[in-house]
Amino acid sequence: MSCALEACSPTRPLPVALWLVVPVLFTAMVLGLLAAACLALGVGDGSQPLSAPVFGAAAAVTAALHSGVSWGRRHRLRRIARYYPALVLAAGIAVCWLSVPNLLAVTIGAPAAVVAVGMCVWERADYQLSADHRA
């Protein structure tokens, strides 16, 4: 095992483009869920801050999935991509002063959550199929 994070790798290689949108998808989903909770409970000021901890978690998820990406012959891109999670975190720090209205966050976050759950179900179904064939 060349990296401790390989244990977090998906069973099937991720396309590079999908890996690049993981932090955006994660951040949109978290902000949407937070906004939906605020709307349902009637708390908050009507907006969600783009907080650095959310971007930090997105960067951590992106780093954990790095070893599961199908890089192919793009070794130079793979070396550059090692810094992508740090770029995500830096972007989060840069925009932490912004806020998104709750309705907009839910409008963006709900489809992001559907896509994320769909990707997990797709990955899980493929894992189950491959496990069934090995037995």
Protein backbone atom coordinates (compact mmCIF):
# COMPACT_ATOMS: atom_id res chain seq x y z
CA MET A 1 0.00 0.00 0.00
CA SER A 2 1.65 3.20 -1.17
CA CYS A 3 -0.69 5.52 0.71
CA ALA A 4 -2.65 5.16 3.95
CA LEU A 5 -5.64 6.69 2.17
CA GLU A 6 -5.89 3.78 -0.29
CA ALA A 7 -8.18 2.06 2.21
CA CYS A 8 -10.74 4.78 1.41
CA SER A 9 -10.55 4.19 -2.33
CA PRO A 10 -13.68 3.15 -4.18
CA THR A 11 -13.92 -0.37 -5.58
CA ARG A 12 -14.06 0.99 -9.12
CA PRO A 13 -11.73 3.76 -10.37
CA LEU A 14 -13.27 7.23 -10.41
CA PRO A 15 -13.02 9.30 -13.58
CA VAL A 16 -10.84 12.38 -13.15
CA ALA A 17 -13.74 14.72 -13.95
CA LEU A 18 -15.89 13.17 -11.24
CA TRP A 19 -13.07 13.47 -8.70
CA LEU A 20 -12.68 17.15 -9.57
CA VAL A 21 -16.36 17.87 -8.81
CA VAL A 22 -16.41 15.95 -5.49
CA PRO A 23 -15.61 19.03 -3.34
CA VAL A 24 -18.23 21.14 -5.14
CA LEU A 25 -20.83 18.40 -4.78
CA PHE A 26 -19.96 17.83 -1.12
CA THR A 27 -20.05 21.53 -0.24
CA ALA A 28 -23.35 22.10 -2.05
CA MET A 29 -24.88 19.07 -0.35
CA VAL A 30 -23.80 20.12 3.16
CA LEU A 31 -24.94 23.72 2.68
CA GLY A 32 -28.28 22.51 1.28
CA LEU A 33 -28.86 20.17 4.20
CA LEU A 34 -27.96 22.88 6.72
CA ALA A 35 -30.29 25.35 5.02
CA ALA A 36 -33.13 22.80 4.90
CA ALA A 37 -32.70 22.15 8.62
CA CYS A 38 -32.73 25.90 9.36
CA LEU A 39 -35.86 26.38 7.27
CA ALA A 40 -37.61 23.40 8.85
CA LEU A 41 -36.76 24.50 12.38
CA GLY A 42 -37.30 28.18 11.74
CA VAL A 43 -33.89 29.19 13.09
CA GLY A 44 -31.07 31.28 11.73
CA ASP A 45 -30.93 34.52 9.84
CA GLY A 46 -32.07 33.16 6.47
CA SER A 47 -28.63 32.49 5.02
CA GLN A 48 -25.83 29.96 5.26
CA PRO A 49 -22.20 31.07 5.49
CA LEU A 50 -19.67 29.44 3.20
CA SER A 51 -17.63 28.19 6.13
CA ALA A 52 -14.03 27.05 5.98
CA PRO A 53 -14.78 23.86 8.01
CA VAL A 54 -17.19 22.69 5.29
CA PHE A 55 -14.52 23.29 2.67
CA GLY A 56 -12.00 21.54 4.93
CA ALA A 57 -14.22 18.47 5.06
CA ALA A 58 -14.64 18.64 1.28
CA ALA A 59 -10.86 18.79 0.92
CA ALA A 60 -10.49 15.76 3.21
CA VAL A 61 -12.98 13.72 1.18
CA THR A 62 -11.21 14.75 -2.01
CA ALA A 63 -7.83 13.73 -0.58
CA ALA A 64 -9.24 10.39 0.59
CA LEU A 65 -10.49 9.60 -2.91
CA HIS A 66 -7.25 10.68 -4.65
CA SER A 67 -5.76 7.20 -4.84
CA GLY A 68 -8.97 5.78 -6.35
CA VAL A 69 -8.93 7.96 -9.46
CA SER A 70 -8.20 6.40 -12.84
CA TRP A 71 -5.32 8.62 -13.86
CA GLY A 72 -4.24 6.53 -16.85
CA ARG A 73 -1.09 7.94 -18.42
CA ARG A 74 -1.58 11.37 -16.90
CA HIS A 75 1.26 11.16 -14.37
CA ARG A 76 1.94 14.89 -14.52
CA LEU A 77 -1.72 15.64 -13.79
CA ARG A 78 -1.59 13.19 -10.88
CA ARG A 79 1.36 15.05 -9.34
CA ILE A 80 -0.42 18.38 -9.73
CA ALA A 81 -3.65 16.90 -8.34
CA ARG A 82 -1.98 16.13 -5.01
CA TYR A 83 -2.33 19.84 -4.25
CA TYR A 84 -5.99 20.04 -5.30
CA PRO A 85 -7.37 19.40 -1.77
CA ALA A 86 -5.19 22.25 -0.47
CA LEU A 87 -6.59 24.47 -3.22
CA VAL A 88 -10.13 23.54 -2.13
CA LEU A 89 -9.31 24.47 1.47
CA ALA A 90 -7.69 27.74 0.38
CA ALA A 91 -10.80 28.56 -1.68
CA GLY A 92 -12.94 27.92 1.40
CA ILE A 93 -10.84 30.29 3.46
CA ALA A 94 -11.01 32.90 0.70
CA VAL A 95 -14.83 32.83 0.46
CA CYS A 96 -15.67 32.31 4.14
CA TRP A 97 -17.04 35.84 4.37
CA LEU A 98 -19.83 35.05 1.86
CA SER A 99 -23.32 33.81 2.70
CA VAL A 100 -25.88 32.01 0.55
CA PRO A 101 -29.64 32.49 1.08
CA ASN A 102 -31.31 29.38 2.51
CA LEU A 103 -33.67 28.87 -0.45
CA LEU A 104 -30.79 29.06 -2.91
CA ALA A 105 -28.73 26.66 -0.79
CA VAL A 106 -31.62 24.15 -0.71
CA THR A 107 -32.21 24.58 -4.45
CA ILE A 108 -28.57 23.77 -5.18
CA GLY A 109 -28.02 21.29 -2.34
CA ALA A 110 -31.02 19.02 -2.98
CA PRO A 111 -29.88 17.94 -6.47
CA ALA A 112 -26.32 17.60 -5.14
CA ALA A 113 -27.58 15.25 -2.41
CA VAL A 114 -29.53 13.20 -4.96
CA VAL A 115 -26.42 12.89 -7.15
CA ALA A 116 -24.23 11.96 -4.16
CA VAL A 117 -26.67 9.29 -2.95
CA GLY A 118 -27.01 8.01 -6.51
CA MET A 119 -23.23 7.69 -6.81
CA CYS A 120 -23.07 5.76 -3.52
CA VAL A 121 -25.88 3.42 -4.58
CA TRP A 122 -24.19 2.90 -7.96
CA GLU A 123 -20.87 2.10 -6.26
CA ARG A 124 -22.53 -0.20 -3.71
CA ALA A 125 -24.50 -2.07 -6.41
CA ASP A 126 -21.34 -2.65 -8.41
CA TYR A 127 -19.56 -3.92 -5.29
CA GLN A 128 -22.43 -6.31 -4.53
CA LEU A 129 -22.45 -7.62 -8.11
CA SER A 130 -18.71 -8.25 -8.07
CA ALA A 131 -18.96 -9.94 -4.65
CA ASP A 132 -21.77 -12.19 -5.91
CA HIS A 133 -19.66 -13.30 -8.87
CA ARG A 134 -16.69 -14.17 -6.64
CA ALA A 135 -18.74 -16.41 -4.35
